[in-house]
C-alpha atoms as a PDB file:
ATOM      1  CA  MET A   1     -17.124   7.975  -2.615  1.00  0.00           C
ATOM      2  CA  ILE A   2     -16.235   4.853  -4.583  1.00  0.00           C
ATOM      3  CA  ILE A   3     -13.323   2.419  -4.373  1.00  0.00           C
ATOM      4  CA  THR A   4     -12.211   1.156  -7.781  1.00  0.00           C
ATOM      5  CA  LYS A   5      -9.225  -0.105  -9.775  1.00  0.00           C
ATOM      6  CA  ALA A   6      -6.598   2.548 -10.490  1.00  0.00           C
ATOM      7  CA  ASN A   7      -6.983   2.320 -14.272  1.00  0.00           C
ATOM      8  CA  ASN A   8      -5.720   5.468 -16.036  1.00  0.00           C
ATOM      9  CA  GLN A   9      -4.954   7.158 -12.703  1.00  0.00           C
ATOM     10  CA  ARG A  10      -1.144   6.864 -12.706  1.00  0.00           C
ATOM     11  CA  THR A  11      -0.503  10.623 -12.967  1.00  0.00           C
ATOM     12  CA  ASN A  12      -2.972  11.390 -10.168  1.00  0.00           C
ATOM     13  CA  VAL A  13      -1.631   8.572  -7.996  1.00  0.00           C
ATOM     14  CA  ALA A  14       1.948   9.807  -8.444  1.00  0.00           C
ATOM     15  CA  ALA A  15       0.882  13.371  -7.573  1.00  0.00           C
ATOM     16  CA  LEU A  16      -0.899  12.258  -4.370  1.00  0.00           C
ATOM     17  CA  LEU A  17       2.054  10.116  -3.288  1.00  0.00           C
ATOM     18  CA  ALA A  18       4.502  12.958  -3.928  1.00  0.00           C
ATOM     19  CA  ALA A  19       2.294  15.388  -1.976  1.00  0.00           C
ATOM     20  CA  GLU A  20       2.292  12.926   0.943  1.00  0.00           C
ATOM     21  CA  LYS A  21       6.087  12.435   0.711  1.00  0.00           C
ATOM     22  CA  LEU A  22       5.701   8.780  -0.268  1.00  0.00           C
ATOM     23  CA  PRO A  23       7.767   7.071  -2.994  1.00  0.00           C
ATOM     24  CA  ALA A  24       6.352   7.550  -6.485  1.00  0.00           C
ATOM     25  CA  GLY A  25       9.401   7.215  -8.727  1.00  0.00           C
ATOM     26  CA  ASP A  26       9.228   3.429  -8.743  1.00  0.00           C
ATOM     27  CA  LEU A  27       5.509   3.113  -9.525  1.00  0.00           C
ATOM     28  CA  PRO A  28       4.816   0.473 -12.152  1.00  0.00           C
ATOM     29  CA  GLU A  29       3.692   1.739 -15.541  1.00  0.00           C
ATOM     30  CA  GLN A  30       0.410  -0.166 -15.186  1.00  0.00           C
ATOM     31  CA  LEU A  31      -1.279   0.044 -11.790  1.00  0.00           C
ATOM     32  CA  ASP A  32      -2.950  -3.363 -12.049  1.00  0.00           C
ATOM     33  CA  ASN A  33      -2.641  -4.045  -8.316  1.00  0.00           C
ATOM     34  CA  PHE A  34      -3.638  -0.576  -7.134  1.00  0.00           C
ATOM     35  CA  ILE A  35      -7.035   0.707  -6.072  1.00  0.00           C
ATOM     36  CA  VAL A  36      -8.183   4.275  -5.586  1.00  0.00           C
ATOM     37  CA  ALA A  37     -10.880   6.177  -3.740  1.00  0.00           C
ATOM     38  CA  LEU A  38     -12.724   8.686  -5.915  1.00  0.00           C
ATOM     39  CA  GLU A  39     -15.067  11.476  -4.865  1.00  0.00           C
ATOM     40  CA  HIS A  40     -16.853  13.050  -7.851  1.00  0.00           C
ATOM     41  CA  ASP A  41     -14.051  11.771 -10.152  1.00  0.00           C
ATOM     42  CA  LYS A  42     -11.360  13.330  -7.919  1.00  0.00           C
ATOM     43  CA  LEU A  43      -8.704  10.936  -6.613  1.00  0.00           C
ATOM     44  CA  ILE A  44      -8.740  11.185  -2.806  1.00  0.00           C
ATOM     45  CA  GLY A  45      -6.948   7.985  -1.811  1.00  0.00           C
ATOM     46  CA  VAL A  46      -4.811   5.127  -3.048  1.00  0.00           C
ATOM     47  CA  ALA A  47      -3.399   1.768  -1.965  1.00  0.00           C
ATOM     48  CA  GLY A  48      -1.244  -0.642  -3.928  1.00  0.00           C
ATOM     49  CA  LEU A  49       0.420  -4.022  -3.884  1.00  0.00           C
ATOM     50  CA  GLU A  50       3.615  -5.381  -5.331  1.00  0.00           C
ATOM     51  CA  CYS A  51       3.016  -9.112  -5.737  1.00  0.00           C
ATOM     52  CA  TYR A  52       5.773 -11.709  -5.399  1.00  0.00           C
ATOM     53  CA  GLY A  53       4.398 -15.244  -5.675  1.00  0.00           C
ATOM     54  CA  GLN A  54       2.171 -15.822  -2.647  1.00  0.00           C
ATOM     55  CA  SER A  55       3.481 -12.732  -0.832  1.00  0.00           C
ATOM     56  CA  ALA A  56       2.882  -9.045  -1.471  1.00  0.00           C
ATOM     57  CA  LEU A  57       4.250  -5.699  -0.344  1.00  0.00           C
ATOM     58  CA  LEU A  58       1.575  -3.177   0.649  1.00  0.00           C
ATOM     59  CA  ARG A  59       2.642   0.235  -0.540  1.00  0.00           C
ATOM     60  CA  SER A  60       1.423   3.663  -1.422  1.00  0.00           C
ATOM     61  CA  VAL A  61      -1.432   3.948   1.078  1.00  0.00           C
ATOM     62  CA  ALA A  62      -2.372   7.618   1.104  1.00  0.00           C
ATOM     63  CA  VAL A  63      -5.474   9.761   1.611  1.00  0.00           C
ATOM     64  CA  GLU A  64      -5.862  13.447   0.746  1.00  0.00           C
ATOM     65  CA  PRO A  65      -5.633  15.505   3.978  1.00  0.00           C
ATOM     66  CA  ASP A  66      -9.144  16.980   3.598  1.00  0.00           C
ATOM     67  CA  TYR A  67     -10.605  13.459   3.488  1.00  0.00           C
ATOM     68  CA  ARG A  68      -8.864  11.903   6.484  1.00  0.00           C
ATOM     69  CA  ASN A  69     -10.705  10.494   9.492  1.00  0.00           C
ATOM     70  CA  LYS A  70     -13.532   9.298   7.236  1.00  0.00           C
ATOM     71  CA  LYS A  71     -12.469   5.623   7.160  1.00  0.00           C
ATOM     72  CA  ILE A  72     -11.212   5.919   3.579  1.00  0.00           C
ATOM     73  CA  ALA A  73      -7.852   4.315   4.400  1.00  0.00           C
ATOM     74  CA  GLU A  74      -9.690   1.490   6.135  1.00  0.00           C
ATOM     75  CA  LYS A  75     -11.806   0.876   3.015  1.00  0.00           C
ATOM     76  CA  LEU A  76      -8.714   1.004   0.807  1.00  0.00           C
ATOM     77  CA  ILE A  77      -6.844  -1.483   2.986  1.00  0.00           C
ATOM     78  CA  ARG A  78      -9.837  -3.827   3.113  1.00  0.00           C
ATOM     79  CA  GLY A  79     -10.142  -3.581  -0.681  1.00  0.00           C
ATOM     80  CA  ILE A  80      -6.462  -4.228  -1.294  1.00  0.00           C
ATOM     81  CA  GLU A  81      -6.516  -7.200   1.088  1.00  0.00           C
ATOM     82  CA  GLU A  82      -9.483  -8.648  -0.840  1.00  0.00           C
ATOM     83  CA  LEU A  83      -7.613  -8.112  -4.114  1.00  0.00           C
ATOM     84  CA  ALA A  84      -4.578  -9.862  -2.636  1.00  0.00           C
ATOM     85  CA  TYR A  85      -6.638 -12.787  -1.374  1.00  0.00           C
ATOM     86  CA  PHE A  86      -8.340 -13.300  -4.735  1.00  0.00           C
ATOM     87  CA  ASN A  87      -4.910 -13.200  -6.426  1.00  0.00           C
ATOM     88  CA  GLY A  88      -3.639 -16.049  -4.238  1.00  0.00           C
ATOM     89  CA  ILE A  89      -1.585 -13.924  -1.850  1.00  0.00           C
ATOM     90  CA  LYS A  90      -1.114 -15.606   1.531  1.00  0.00           C
ATOM     91  CA  ALA A  91       0.778 -12.834   3.375  1.00  0.00           C
ATOM     92  CA  ILE A  92       1.062  -9.058   3.043  1.00  0.00           C
ATOM     93  CA  TYR A  93       4.143  -7.189   4.242  1.00  0.00           C
ATOM     94  CA  LEU A  94       4.619  -3.461   4.705  1.00  0.00           C
ATOM     95  CA  LEU A  95       7.123  -0.871   5.815  1.00  0.00           C
ATOM     96  CA  THR A  96       6.081   2.156   7.842  1.00  0.00           C
ATOM     97  CA  GLU A  97       7.741   4.944   9.737  1.00  0.00           C
ATOM     98  CA  THR A  98       4.605   6.521  11.176  1.00  0.00           C
ATOM     99  CA  ALA A  99       1.591   4.197  11.083  1.00  0.00           C
ATOM    100  CA  SER A 100       2.504   0.990  12.926  1.00  0.00           C
ATOM    101  CA  GLY A 101      -0.185   1.602  15.570  1.00  0.00           C
ATOM    102  CA  TYR A 102      -2.820   1.964  12.864  1.00  0.00           C
ATOM    103  CA  PHE A 103      -1.766  -1.234  11.111  1.00  0.00           C
ATOM    104  CA  ILE A 104      -1.654  -3.195  14.381  1.00  0.00           C
ATOM    105  CA  LYS A 105      -5.368  -2.353  14.760  1.00  0.00           C
ATOM    106  CA  LYS A 106      -5.882  -3.804  11.255  1.00  0.00           C
ATOM    107  CA  GLY A 107      -4.343  -7.159  12.184  1.00  0.00           C
ATOM    108  CA  TYR A 108      -0.720  -6.593  11.151  1.00  0.00           C
ATOM    109  CA  GLN A 109       2.123  -7.491  13.475  1.00  0.00           C
ATOM    110  CA  GLU A 110       5.661  -6.201  13.707  1.00  0.00           C
ATOM    111  CA  ILE A 111       8.348  -8.565  12.464  1.00  0.00           C
ATOM    112  CA  GLN A 112      12.085  -8.447  11.854  1.00  0.00           C
ATOM    113  CA  ARG A 113      13.449  -7.525   8.417  1.00  0.00           C
ATOM    114  CA  ASN A 114      15.053 -10.958   8.035  1.00  0.00           C
ATOM    115  CA  GLU A 115      11.593 -12.601   8.294  1.00  0.00           C
ATOM    116  CA  VAL A 116      10.522 -11.044   4.977  1.00  0.00           C
ATOM    117  CA  PRO A 117      10.756 -13.235   1.848  1.00  0.00           C
ATOM    118  CA  ASP A 118      13.854 -12.600  -0.264  1.00  0.00           C
ATOM    119  CA  GLU A 119      11.894 -11.420  -3.295  1.00  0.00           C
ATOM    120  CA  ILE A 120      10.246  -8.657  -1.245  1.00  0.00           C
ATOM    121  CA  GLN A 121      13.576  -7.754   0.358  1.00  0.00           C
ATOM    122  CA  GLY A 122      14.839  -7.253  -3.199  1.00  0.00           C
ATOM    123  CA  SER A 123      12.069  -4.779  -4.104  1.00  0.00           C
ATOM    124  CA  SER A 124      13.072  -1.170  -4.638  1.00  0.00           C
ATOM    125  CA  GLU A 125      10.905   0.042  -1.764  1.00  0.00           C
ATOM    126  CA  PHE A 126      12.337  -2.484   0.675  1.00  0.00           C
ATOM    127  CA  SER A 127      15.937  -2.354  -0.453  1.00  0.00           C
ATOM    128  CA  PHE A 128      16.578   1.355  -0.887  1.00  0.00           C
ATOM    129  CA  VAL A 129      13.484   3.602  -0.875  1.00  0.00           C
ATOM    130  CA  CYS A 130      12.426   3.110   2.753  1.00  0.00           C
ATOM    131  CA  PRO A 131      15.038   3.636   5.458  1.00  0.00           C
ATOM    132  CA  GLN A 132      16.414   0.821   7.585  1.00  0.00           C
ATOM    133  CA  SER A 133      14.651   2.438  10.549  1.00  0.00           C
ATOM    134  CA  ALA A 134      11.197   1.692   9.046  1.00  0.00           C
ATOM    135  CA  ILE A 135       9.073  -0.799  10.956  1.00  0.00           C
ATOM    136  CA  VAL A 136       8.343  -4.040   9.092  1.00  0.00           C
ATOM    137  CA  MET A 137       4.896  -5.593   9.500  1.00  0.00           C
ATOM    138  CA  LYS A 138       3.087  -8.679   8.245  1.00  0.00           C
ATOM    139  CA  LYS A 139      -0.465  -9.943   7.976  1.00  0.00           C
ATOM    140  CA  ILE A 140      -1.466 -13.499   7.093  1.00  0.00           C
ATOM    141  CA  LEU A 141      -4.569 -13.612   4.907  1.00  0.00           C
END
């Protein structure tokens, strides 16, 4: 398995996100801030960032069901955090309905929605894709 940039993988990324019931309709045309996990050229995982100045929204973390519990998500998150750091991002935010316990183990902490920078609050995922009931989390890099 390799972790690499998501170049030319938009269709596969969208299909995996849709299969996992995650938002795909607002994916950027170019996935410059997305990485993927590939096994024999098959996309088995994805993670992406929406960058806003020195802050970023972590989105689209998904792993194919047959490949779960193999630390692929952990490798994707570590890779996306490295990408964020090298792009000058100081803090990563995320919204989750089901994985807050997992992200707490990765160093994220729950915060209130009003603690999120305005530009991230204005993102499509934050403002209308994810429900108000989603847990908001933050990690300082």
